[in-house]
Amino acid sequence: MAVIVTIFHFLIVLFIYATAFQPSVPSCNRKHRGGLIWKYSQDNVDGSLTPTLTAEDVVTACMDAMLQNDVPWLNHGLETCFDFSSDRCRASLGGNLDDFITYASNPTFGSMTNAIKYDIVNVGPIIAGTPTRGSMQTVLVKVTPAKGGDRQFLWTLQQERRPPRQGLWLVHECIYVEMVQSSANFI
């Protein structure tokens, strides 16, 4: 009996020790994060993904999260952007969250994280989908970074055609407008 009590106490101590040193911030546990990411949708009470978000809603969700990038945990804003990215966008940036965070640390894209504010300047018309791609829409955003002058970013979103995210607006690309304009001078 004493051996059973000792083993029981050992297991309790082991459990307390193991849980005490767990990070208070969830790691890349998509199941946990899903509730926070899709909070902008009104009818997803059960946690399922719903296509009720507009392209502008997705940009707003990404920008709101990036304004306080490290709240409620480190790189939460960038994780939100990754969640809303299309498979093609993810693949072009390495395909996983760690590579995306590394890419997003560059001075251009990084100016959107922990920025002072942003304003949606223009929302383009919805371009109808074709047999090979979903509908597309652009959103022009002016960002006031913590350091430096205002910058404009053109977000291009596309509706996903395949399950499980079918019908959702996802980020296809996000381009720094000044870079596009300066490269146009070389053509």
N, C-alpha and C. Protein backbone atom coordinates (compact mmCIF):
# COMPACT_ATOMS: atom_id res chain seq x y z
N MET A 1 0.82 -1.19 0.00
CA MET A 1 0.00 0.00 0.00
C MET A 1 0.87 1.26 0.00
N ALA A 2 1.96 1.23 0.77
CA ALA A 2 2.85 2.38 0.84
C ALA A 2 3.50 2.64 -0.51
N VAL A 3 3.76 1.57 -1.26
CA VAL A 3 4.37 1.73 -2.59
C VAL A 3 3.39 2.42 -3.52
N ILE A 4 2.12 2.09 -3.45
CA ILE A 4 1.09 2.70 -4.31
C ILE A 4 0.95 4.18 -3.98
N VAL A 5 0.95 4.50 -2.67
CA VAL A 5 0.85 5.90 -2.26
C VAL A 5 2.07 6.68 -2.74
N THR A 6 3.24 6.09 -2.62
CA THR A 6 4.46 6.75 -3.07
C THR A 6 4.43 6.98 -4.59
N ILE A 7 4.01 5.99 -5.34
CA ILE A 7 3.90 6.14 -6.80
C ILE A 7 2.87 7.21 -7.13
N PHE A 8 1.74 7.22 -6.42
CA PHE A 8 0.70 8.21 -6.64
C PHE A 8 1.24 9.62 -6.39
N HIS A 9 1.97 9.80 -5.26
CA HIS A 9 2.56 11.10 -4.96
C HIS A 9 3.58 11.51 -6.01
N PHE A 10 4.37 10.53 -6.46
CA PHE A 10 5.35 10.81 -7.51
C PHE A 10 4.67 11.29 -8.78
N LEU A 11 3.57 10.64 -9.16
CA LEU A 11 2.85 11.04 -10.37
C LEU A 11 2.25 12.44 -10.22
N ILE A 12 1.75 12.76 -9.05
CA ILE A 12 1.20 14.10 -8.82
C ILE A 12 2.31 15.15 -8.93
N VAL A 13 3.43 14.90 -8.30
CA VAL A 13 4.56 15.83 -8.38
C VAL A 13 5.03 15.97 -9.83
N LEU A 14 5.10 14.86 -10.54
CA LEU A 14 5.52 14.89 -11.93
C LEU A 14 4.53 15.72 -12.77
N PHE A 15 3.25 15.55 -12.54
CA PHE A 15 2.23 16.31 -13.26
C PHE A 15 2.35 17.80 -12.97
N ILE A 16 2.51 18.14 -11.70
CA ILE A 16 2.64 19.56 -11.32
C ILE A 16 3.90 20.15 -11.94
N TYR A 17 4.99 19.42 -11.89
CA TYR A 17 6.24 19.89 -12.48
C TYR A 17 6.09 20.11 -13.99
N ALA A 18 5.45 19.14 -14.65
CA ALA A 18 5.30 19.23 -16.11
C ALA A 18 4.41 20.38 -16.52
N THR A 19 3.34 20.61 -15.78
CA THR A 19 2.43 21.69 -16.15
C THR A 19 2.94 23.06 -15.72
N ALA A 20 3.74 23.11 -14.70
CA ALA A 20 4.26 24.40 -14.22
C ALA A 20 5.21 25.03 -15.21
N PHE A 21 5.92 24.22 -15.99
CA PHE A 21 6.90 24.75 -16.92
C PHE A 21 6.41 24.79 -18.36
N GLN A 22 5.12 24.62 -18.55
CA GLN A 22 4.55 24.78 -19.89
C GLN A 22 4.45 26.26 -20.20
N PRO A 23 4.69 26.67 -21.44
CA PRO A 23 4.55 28.08 -21.77
C PRO A 23 3.10 28.51 -21.64
N SER A 24 2.89 29.71 -21.12
CA SER A 24 1.52 30.20 -20.97
C SER A 24 0.93 30.61 -22.30
N VAL A 25 1.76 30.72 -23.30
CA VAL A 25 1.33 31.10 -24.63
C VAL A 25 1.27 29.85 -25.48
N PRO A 26 0.17 29.63 -26.19
CA PRO A 26 0.11 28.44 -27.03
C PRO A 26 1.11 28.53 -28.17
N SER A 27 1.67 27.41 -28.54
CA SER A 27 2.57 27.39 -29.69
C SER A 27 1.72 27.34 -30.95
N CYS A 28 2.21 26.78 -31.99
CA CYS A 28 1.49 26.77 -33.26
C CYS A 28 0.37 25.74 -33.26
N ASN A 29 -0.44 25.75 -32.24
CA ASN A 29 -1.56 24.82 -32.14
C ASN A 29 -2.76 25.42 -32.86
N ARG A 30 -2.94 25.08 -34.10
CA ARG A 30 -3.96 25.70 -34.94
C ARG A 30 -5.37 25.48 -34.37
N LYS A 31 -5.58 24.35 -33.72
CA LYS A 31 -6.91 24.09 -33.16
C LYS A 31 -7.23 25.13 -32.09
N HIS A 32 -6.26 25.47 -31.25
CA HIS A 32 -6.46 26.45 -30.20
C HIS A 32 -6.63 27.85 -30.79
N ARG A 33 -5.79 28.19 -31.76
CA ARG A 33 -5.78 29.53 -32.32
C ARG A 33 -7.01 29.81 -33.15
N GLY A 34 -7.65 28.78 -33.68
CA GLY A 34 -8.77 28.99 -34.59
C GLY A 34 -9.85 29.89 -34.03
N GLY A 35 -10.15 29.78 -32.73
CA GLY A 35 -11.19 30.60 -32.15
C GLY A 35 -10.87 32.08 -32.18
N LEU A 36 -9.59 32.42 -31.99
CA LEU A 36 -9.19 33.83 -32.03
C LEU A 36 -9.17 34.36 -33.46
N ILE A 37 -8.68 33.55 -34.38
CA ILE A 37 -8.52 34.00 -35.75
C ILE A 37 -9.86 34.34 -36.38
N TRP A 38 -10.83 33.52 -36.17
CA TRP A 38 -12.09 33.68 -36.88
C TRP A 38 -13.13 34.44 -36.07
N LYS A 39 -12.69 35.19 -35.05
CA LYS A 39 -13.62 35.93 -34.21
C LYS A 39 -14.35 37.03 -34.98
N TYR A 40 -13.81 37.41 -36.14
CA TYR A 40 -14.42 38.47 -36.92
C TYR A 40 -15.69 38.01 -37.64
N SER A 41 -15.94 36.70 -37.64
CA SER A 41 -17.13 36.16 -38.29
C SER A 41 -18.23 36.01 -37.25
N GLN A 42 -19.44 36.35 -37.62
CA GLN A 42 -20.56 36.35 -36.67
C GLN A 42 -21.17 34.97 -36.44
N ASP A 43 -21.12 34.08 -37.42
CA ASP A 43 -21.87 32.83 -37.29
C ASP A 43 -20.99 31.59 -37.19
N ASN A 44 -19.88 31.71 -36.51
CA ASN A 44 -19.02 30.54 -36.33
C ASN A 44 -18.92 30.14 -34.87
N VAL A 45 -20.05 30.10 -34.20
CA VAL A 45 -20.09 29.81 -32.77
C VAL A 45 -19.47 28.45 -32.47
N ASP A 46 -19.63 27.49 -33.37
CA ASP A 46 -19.08 26.16 -33.13
C ASP A 46 -17.60 26.05 -33.49
N GLY A 47 -16.98 27.14 -33.91
CA GLY A 47 -15.55 27.12 -34.23
C GLY A 47 -15.25 26.75 -35.66
N SER A 48 -16.28 26.45 -36.46
CA SER A 48 -16.03 26.10 -37.86
C SER A 48 -15.73 27.34 -38.68
N LEU A 49 -15.02 27.15 -39.77
CA LEU A 49 -14.69 28.27 -40.63
C LEU A 49 -15.89 28.59 -41.51
N THR A 50 -16.20 29.87 -41.63
CA THR A 50 -17.34 30.27 -42.43
C THR A 50 -16.92 31.32 -43.45
N PRO A 51 -17.50 31.27 -44.63
CA PRO A 51 -17.13 32.22 -45.68
C PRO A 51 -17.87 33.56 -45.59
N THR A 52 -18.22 34.00 -44.40
CA THR A 52 -18.96 35.25 -44.27
C THR A 52 -18.05 36.47 -44.24
N LEU A 53 -16.75 36.27 -44.11
CA LEU A 53 -15.83 37.38 -44.09
C LEU A 53 -15.61 37.92 -45.50
N THR A 54 -15.59 39.23 -45.64
CA THR A 54 -15.26 39.84 -46.92
C THR A 54 -13.73 39.97 -47.02
N ALA A 55 -13.26 40.33 -48.19
CA ALA A 55 -11.82 40.55 -48.36
C ALA A 55 -11.36 41.67 -47.43
N GLU A 56 -12.16 42.71 -47.30
CA GLU A 56 -11.81 43.81 -46.40
C GLU A 56 -11.76 43.34 -44.95
N ASP A 57 -12.68 42.46 -44.55
CA ASP A 57 -12.68 41.90 -43.19
C ASP A 57 -11.38 41.15 -42.90
N VAL A 58 -10.89 40.41 -43.89
CA VAL A 58 -9.66 39.64 -43.71
C VAL A 58 -8.47 40.57 -43.51
N VAL A 59 -8.39 41.62 -44.35
CA VAL A 59 -7.29 42.59 -44.19
C VAL A 59 -7.39 43.27 -42.83
N THR A 60 -8.60 43.63 -42.43
CA THR A 60 -8.81 44.25 -41.12
C THR A 60 -8.36 43.32 -40.00
N ALA A 61 -8.70 42.04 -40.10
CA ALA A 61 -8.29 41.07 -39.08
C ALA A 61 -6.77 40.97 -39.01
N CYS A 62 -6.12 40.92 -40.17
CA CYS A 62 -4.66 40.84 -40.21
C CYS A 62 -4.02 42.10 -39.64
N MET A 63 -4.49 43.25 -40.08
CA MET A 63 -3.90 44.51 -39.63
C MET A 63 -4.16 44.75 -38.14
N ASP A 64 -5.38 44.46 -37.66
CA ASP A 64 -5.67 44.61 -36.23
C ASP A 64 -4.73 43.74 -35.40
N ALA A 65 -4.51 42.52 -35.86
CA ALA A 65 -3.62 41.61 -35.12
C ALA A 65 -2.17 42.08 -35.17
N MET A 66 -1.76 42.62 -36.32
CA MET A 66 -0.36 43.06 -36.42
C MET A 66 -0.08 44.38 -35.69
N LEU A 67 -1.12 45.19 -35.45
CA LEU A 67 -0.90 46.42 -34.69
C LEU A 67 -0.34 46.11 -33.30
N GLN A 68 -0.79 45.00 -32.74
CA GLN A 68 -0.25 44.52 -31.45
C GLN A 68 0.24 43.10 -31.68
N ASN A 69 1.29 42.99 -32.45
CA ASN A 69 1.78 41.70 -32.93
C ASN A 69 2.01 40.68 -31.82
N ASP A 70 2.47 41.10 -30.68
CA ASP A 70 2.82 40.16 -29.62
C ASP A 70 1.76 40.01 -28.54
N VAL A 71 0.52 40.42 -28.83
CA VAL A 71 -0.59 40.26 -27.89
C VAL A 71 -1.63 39.35 -28.53
N PRO A 72 -2.07 38.30 -27.90
CA PRO A 72 -1.81 37.85 -26.54
C PRO A 72 -0.56 36.98 -26.40
N TRP A 73 0.12 36.63 -27.50
CA TRP A 73 1.38 35.91 -27.39
C TRP A 73 2.32 36.38 -28.50
N LEU A 74 3.57 35.98 -28.41
CA LEU A 74 4.60 36.38 -29.34
C LEU A 74 4.21 36.03 -30.78
N ASN A 75 4.26 37.00 -31.66
CA ASN A 75 3.96 36.86 -33.10
C ASN A 75 2.52 36.43 -33.41
N HIS A 76 1.60 36.73 -32.52
CA HIS A 76 0.19 36.43 -32.77
C HIS A 76 -0.30 37.09 -34.05
N GLY A 77 0.11 38.35 -34.28
CA GLY A 77 -0.33 39.06 -35.47
C GLY A 77 0.15 38.39 -36.74
N LEU A 78 1.39 37.96 -36.75
CA LEU A 78 1.93 37.27 -37.93
C LEU A 78 1.28 35.91 -38.11
N GLU A 79 0.96 35.23 -37.02
CA GLU A 79 0.26 33.95 -37.11
C GLU A 79 -1.12 34.15 -37.73
N THR A 80 -1.77 35.26 -37.38
CA THR A 80 -3.07 35.56 -37.95
C THR A 80 -2.94 35.74 -39.46
N CYS A 81 -1.93 36.48 -39.90
CA CYS A 81 -1.70 36.66 -41.33
C CYS A 81 -1.43 35.33 -42.02
N PHE A 82 -0.64 34.49 -41.38
CA PHE A 82 -0.34 33.17 -41.94
C PHE A 82 -1.62 32.35 -42.07
N ASP A 83 -2.48 32.41 -41.06
CA ASP A 83 -3.73 31.66 -41.11
C ASP A 83 -4.61 32.10 -42.27
N PHE A 84 -4.60 33.38 -42.56
CA PHE A 84 -5.42 33.92 -43.64
C PHE A 84 -4.73 33.87 -45.00
N SER A 85 -3.53 33.30 -45.08
CA SER A 85 -2.80 33.23 -46.34
C SER A 85 -3.23 32.01 -47.15
N SER A 86 -3.24 32.18 -48.46
CA SER A 86 -3.56 31.05 -49.35
C SER A 86 -2.39 30.07 -49.35
N ASP A 87 -2.65 28.87 -49.80
CA ASP A 87 -1.58 27.86 -49.88
C ASP A 87 -0.46 28.33 -50.79
N ARG A 88 -0.82 29.00 -51.86
CA ARG A 88 0.18 29.50 -52.80
C ARG A 88 1.07 30.57 -52.15
N CYS A 89 0.45 31.46 -51.39
CA CYS A 89 1.20 32.49 -50.68
C CYS A 89 2.12 31.85 -49.65
N ARG A 90 1.61 30.88 -48.91
CA ARG A 90 2.43 30.20 -47.91
C ARG A 90 3.62 29.50 -48.55
N ALA A 91 3.36 28.81 -49.66
CA ALA A 91 4.44 28.07 -50.34
C ALA A 91 5.53 29.02 -50.82
N SER A 92 5.15 30.20 -51.29
CA SER A 92 6.16 31.14 -51.80
C SER A 92 7.03 31.69 -50.68
N LEU A 93 6.56 31.58 -49.43
CA LEU A 93 7.31 32.11 -48.29
C LEU A 93 7.89 30.99 -47.43
N GLY A 94 8.00 29.81 -47.96
CA GLY A 94 8.62 28.71 -47.23
C GLY A 94 7.67 27.62 -46.81
N GLY A 95 6.38 27.90 -46.76
CA GLY A 95 5.39 26.86 -46.49
C GLY A 95 5.05 26.61 -45.04
N ASN A 96 5.80 27.19 -44.11
CA ASN A 96 5.45 26.95 -42.70
C ASN A 96 5.51 28.27 -41.93
N LEU A 97 4.95 28.25 -40.76
CA LEU A 97 4.83 29.46 -39.94
C LEU A 97 6.20 30.05 -39.58
N ASP A 98 7.15 29.22 -39.22
CA ASP A 98 8.47 29.74 -38.84
C ASP A 98 9.13 30.50 -39.98
N ASP A 99 9.06 29.95 -41.20
CA ASP A 99 9.63 30.64 -42.35
C ASP A 99 8.88 31.93 -42.64
N PHE A 100 7.56 31.91 -42.46
CA PHE A 100 6.77 33.12 -42.68
C PHE A 100 7.17 34.22 -41.69
N ILE A 101 7.35 33.85 -40.43
CA ILE A 101 7.76 34.83 -39.42
C ILE A 101 9.14 35.39 -39.74
N THR A 102 10.05 34.53 -40.20
CA THR A 102 11.38 35.00 -40.60
C THR A 102 11.27 35.98 -41.75
N TYR A 103 10.47 35.65 -42.77
CA TYR A 103 10.29 36.54 -43.91
C TYR A 103 9.68 37.87 -43.46
N ALA A 104 8.68 37.79 -42.61
CA ALA A 104 7.96 38.99 -42.19
C ALA A 104 8.79 39.92 -41.32
N SER A 105 9.96 39.47 -40.92
CA SER A 105 10.85 40.32 -40.12
C SER A 105 11.63 41.31 -40.98
N ASN A 106 11.48 41.23 -42.30
CA ASN A 106 12.20 42.18 -43.15
C ASN A 106 11.67 43.58 -42.92
N PRO A 107 12.47 44.60 -43.18
CA PRO A 107 12.06 45.98 -42.85
C PRO A 107 10.79 46.45 -43.54
N THR A 108 10.51 45.94 -44.73
CA THR A 108 9.33 46.41 -45.46
C THR A 108 8.06 45.83 -44.86
N PHE A 109 7.91 44.51 -44.88
CA PHE A 109 6.71 43.89 -44.33
C PHE A 109 6.66 44.10 -42.82
N GLY A 110 7.81 44.08 -42.19
CA GLY A 110 7.89 44.26 -40.74
C GLY A 110 7.38 45.61 -40.28
N SER A 111 7.32 46.61 -41.18
CA SER A 111 6.82 47.93 -40.78
C SER A 111 5.33 47.89 -40.44
N MET A 112 4.64 46.82 -40.85
CA MET A 112 3.22 46.70 -40.50
C MET A 112 3.03 46.13 -39.09
N THR A 113 4.03 45.44 -38.56
CA THR A 113 3.90 44.89 -37.22
C THR A 113 4.18 45.98 -36.19
N ASN A 114 3.34 46.04 -35.21
CA ASN A 114 3.42 47.04 -34.13
C ASN A 114 3.42 48.47 -34.67
N ALA A 115 2.71 48.68 -35.78
CA ALA A 115 2.58 50.02 -36.35
C ALA A 115 1.71 50.89 -35.45
N ILE A 116 1.75 52.18 -35.70
CA ILE A 116 0.95 53.12 -34.91
C ILE A 116 -0.52 53.02 -35.30
N LYS A 117 -0.77 53.00 -36.62
CA LYS A 117 -2.16 52.91 -37.10
C LYS A 117 -2.14 52.50 -38.56
N TYR A 118 -3.33 52.20 -39.06
CA TYR A 118 -3.51 51.92 -40.48
C TYR A 118 -4.87 52.45 -40.91
N ASP A 119 -4.99 52.73 -42.19
CA ASP A 119 -6.26 53.16 -42.77
C ASP A 119 -6.47 52.42 -44.07
N ILE A 120 -7.69 51.95 -44.28
CA ILE A 120 -8.01 51.34 -45.57
C ILE A 120 -8.34 52.49 -46.52
N VAL A 121 -7.52 52.63 -47.56
CA VAL A 121 -7.64 53.73 -48.50
C VAL A 121 -8.67 53.42 -49.57
N ASN A 122 -8.65 52.18 -50.08
CA ASN A 122 -9.53 51.82 -51.18
C ASN A 122 -9.76 50.32 -51.20
N VAL A 123 -10.96 49.94 -51.54
CA VAL A 123 -11.30 48.53 -51.75
C VAL A 123 -11.72 48.39 -53.20
N GLY A 124 -10.98 47.61 -53.96
CA GLY A 124 -11.27 47.45 -55.38
C GLY A 124 -12.51 46.60 -55.62
N PRO A 125 -12.97 46.58 -56.85
CA PRO A 125 -14.15 45.75 -57.18
C PRO A 125 -13.79 44.27 -57.13
N ILE A 126 -14.79 43.45 -56.95
CA ILE A 126 -14.58 42.00 -56.97
C ILE A 126 -14.46 41.57 -58.43
N ILE A 127 -13.37 40.89 -58.73
CA ILE A 127 -13.16 40.35 -60.07
C ILE A 127 -13.67 38.92 -60.04
N ALA A 128 -14.62 38.63 -60.90
CA ALA A 128 -15.28 37.32 -60.90
C ALA A 128 -14.28 36.19 -61.07
N GLY A 129 -14.59 35.08 -60.46
CA GLY A 129 -13.75 33.90 -60.56
C GLY A 129 -13.82 33.28 -61.94
N THR A 130 -12.87 32.44 -62.23
CA THR A 130 -12.82 31.71 -63.50
C THR A 130 -12.81 30.22 -63.18
N PRO A 131 -12.80 29.37 -64.19
CA PRO A 131 -12.73 27.93 -63.91
C PRO A 131 -11.44 27.51 -63.19
N THR A 132 -10.40 28.35 -63.24
CA THR A 132 -9.13 27.96 -62.63
C THR A 132 -8.77 28.71 -61.36
N ARG A 133 -9.52 29.74 -61.00
CA ARG A 133 -9.24 30.48 -59.76
C ARG A 133 -10.52 31.10 -59.24
N GLY A 134 -10.50 31.41 -57.94
CA GLY A 134 -11.64 32.04 -57.31
C GLY A 134 -11.69 33.53 -57.59
N SER A 135 -12.74 34.19 -57.12
CA SER A 135 -12.87 35.63 -57.27
C SER A 135 -11.71 36.33 -56.57
N MET A 136 -11.37 37.53 -57.06
CA MET A 136 -10.25 38.28 -56.48
C MET A 136 -10.70 39.69 -56.15
N GLN A 137 -10.02 40.29 -55.17
CA GLN A 137 -10.29 41.67 -54.78
C GLN A 137 -9.02 42.25 -54.16
N THR A 138 -8.80 43.55 -54.37
CA THR A 138 -7.65 44.22 -53.79
C THR A 138 -8.11 45.19 -52.71
N VAL A 139 -7.24 45.40 -51.73
CA VAL A 139 -7.48 46.36 -50.65
C VAL A 139 -6.19 47.15 -50.47
N LEU A 140 -6.28 48.47 -50.63
CA LEU A 140 -5.13 49.34 -50.46
C LEU A 140 -5.14 49.89 -49.05
N VAL A 141 -4.02 49.70 -48.34
CA VAL A 141 -3.92 50.08 -46.93
C VAL A 141 -2.74 51.04 -46.75
N LYS A 142 -2.99 52.13 -46.03
CA LYS A 142 -1.91 53.06 -45.65
C LYS A 142 -1.55 52.76 -44.19
N VAL A 143 -0.27 52.51 -43.97
CA VAL A 143 0.22 52.14 -42.64
C VAL A 143 1.15 53.23 -42.13
N THR A 144 0.95 53.61 -40.88
CA THR A 144 1.88 54.52 -40.21
C THR A 144 2.73 53.67 -39.28
N PRO A 145 3.97 53.33 -39.72
CA PRO A 145 4.81 52.47 -38.89
C PRO A 145 5.33 53.19 -37.65
N ALA A 146 5.83 52.42 -36.71
CA ALA A 146 6.39 53.00 -35.49
C ALA A 146 7.58 53.88 -35.81
N LYS A 147 8.33 53.54 -36.85
CA LYS A 147 9.49 54.34 -37.28
C LYS A 147 9.35 54.63 -38.76
N GLY A 148 9.63 55.85 -39.15
CA GLY A 148 9.59 56.20 -40.57
C GLY A 148 8.24 56.76 -40.99
N GLY A 149 8.16 57.09 -42.28
CA GLY A 149 6.94 57.70 -42.82
C GLY A 149 5.91 56.66 -43.23
N ASP A 150 4.75 57.16 -43.63
CA ASP A 150 3.65 56.30 -44.04
C ASP A 150 4.04 55.44 -45.23
N ARG A 151 3.46 54.25 -45.29
CA ARG A 151 3.68 53.33 -46.40
C ARG A 151 2.33 52.79 -46.85
N GLN A 152 2.24 52.46 -48.13
CA GLN A 152 1.02 51.86 -48.65
C GLN A 152 1.31 50.44 -49.11
N PHE A 153 0.37 49.55 -48.78
CA PHE A 153 0.47 48.15 -49.17
C PHE A 153 -0.80 47.76 -49.92
N LEU A 154 -0.61 47.06 -51.03
CA LEU A 154 -1.75 46.56 -51.80
C LEU A 154 -1.91 45.08 -51.49
N TRP A 155 -3.01 44.75 -50.83
CA TRP A 155 -3.34 43.37 -50.49
C TRP A 155 -4.21 42.82 -51.61
N THR A 156 -3.85 41.67 -52.15
CA THR A 156 -4.68 40.99 -53.14
C THR A 156 -5.20 39.72 -52.48
N LEU A 157 -6.52 39.58 -52.48
CA LEU A 157 -7.14 38.42 -51.86
C LEU A 157 -7.88 37.62 -52.92
N GLN A 158 -7.97 36.33 -52.67
CA GLN A 158 -8.65 35.44 -53.60
C GLN A 158 -9.53 34.48 -52.82
N GLN A 159 -10.71 34.20 -53.34
CA GLN A 159 -11.59 33.23 -52.67
C GLN A 159 -11.09 31.83 -52.97
N GLU A 160 -10.95 31.05 -51.91
CA GLU A 160 -10.47 29.67 -52.04
C GLU A 160 -11.54 28.82 -52.71
N ARG A 161 -11.10 27.96 -53.60
CA ARG A 161 -12.05 27.10 -54.34
C ARG A 161 -12.11 25.69 -53.77
N ARG A 162 -11.12 25.31 -52.95
CA ARG A 162 -11.07 23.94 -52.46
C ARG A 162 -11.37 23.85 -50.97
N PRO A 163 -12.00 22.75 -50.53
CA PRO A 163 -12.20 22.53 -49.10
C PRO A 163 -10.85 22.32 -48.43
N PRO A 164 -10.69 22.56 -47.18
CA PRO A 164 -11.73 22.89 -46.21
C PRO A 164 -12.00 24.40 -46.10
N ARG A 165 -11.25 25.23 -46.83
CA ARG A 165 -11.43 26.68 -46.71
C ARG A 165 -12.19 27.25 -47.91
N GLN A 166 -12.96 26.42 -48.54
CA GLN A 166 -13.70 26.82 -49.73
C GLN A 166 -14.60 28.02 -49.44
N GLY A 167 -14.53 29.03 -50.29
CA GLY A 167 -15.36 30.22 -50.14
C GLY A 167 -14.74 31.31 -49.29
N LEU A 168 -13.67 31.01 -48.56
CA LEU A 168 -13.03 32.01 -47.71
C LEU A 168 -12.12 32.92 -48.53
N TRP A 169 -12.08 34.19 -48.17
CA TRP A 169 -11.14 35.11 -48.78
C TRP A 169 -9.79 34.91 -48.10
N LEU A 170 -8.76 34.65 -48.90
CA LEU A 170 -7.42 34.41 -48.38
C LEU A 170 -6.43 35.36 -49.06
N VAL A 171 -5.38 35.70 -48.34
CA VAL A 171 -4.36 36.61 -48.86
C VAL A 171 -3.56 35.89 -49.94
N HIS A 172 -3.60 36.45 -51.14
CA HIS A 172 -2.84 35.92 -52.27
C HIS A 172 -1.45 36.55 -52.31
N GLU A 173 -1.41 37.88 -52.03
CA GLU A 173 -0.14 38.59 -51.94
C GLU A 173 -0.35 39.92 -51.27
N CYS A 174 0.73 40.48 -50.76
CA CYS A 174 0.73 41.80 -50.14
C CYS A 174 1.97 42.51 -50.65
N ILE A 175 1.76 43.59 -51.40
CA ILE A 175 2.86 44.27 -52.08
C ILE A 175 3.02 45.68 -51.54
N TYR A 176 4.26 46.06 -51.28
CA TYR A 176 4.59 47.42 -50.90
C TYR A 176 4.51 48.27 -52.16
N VAL A 177 3.59 49.23 -52.20
CA VAL A 177 3.28 49.98 -53.41
C VAL A 177 4.49 50.74 -53.95
N GLU A 178 5.29 51.33 -53.09
CA GLU A 178 6.44 52.10 -53.56
C GLU A 178 7.42 51.22 -54.35
N MET A 179 7.58 49.97 -53.94
CA MET A 179 8.48 49.06 -54.65
C MET A 179 7.95 48.77 -56.05
N VAL A 180 6.65 48.66 -56.19
CA VAL A 180 6.05 48.41 -57.50
C VAL A 180 6.26 49.63 -58.39
N GLN A 181 6.03 50.81 -57.84
CA GLN A 181 6.18 52.03 -58.62
C GLN A 181 7.63 52.25 -59.03
N SER A 182 8.59 51.96 -58.15
CA SER A 182 9.99 52.18 -58.48
C SER A 182 10.47 51.15 -59.51
N SER A 183 9.97 49.92 -59.45
CA SER A 183 10.38 48.92 -60.44
C SER A 183 9.75 49.20 -61.80
N ALA A 184 8.60 49.89 -61.82
CA ALA A 184 7.97 50.25 -63.08
C ALA A 184 8.81 51.25 -63.86
N ASN A 185 9.65 52.01 -63.18
CA ASN A 185 10.51 52.96 -63.85
C ASN A 185 11.61 52.29 -64.67
N PHE A 186 11.92 51.03 -64.37
CA PHE A 186 12.96 50.32 -65.08
C PHE A 186 12.43 49.59 -66.31
N ILE A 187 11.14 49.54 -66.47
CA ILE A 187 10.55 48.80 -67.61
C ILE A 187 10.47 49.67 -68.83
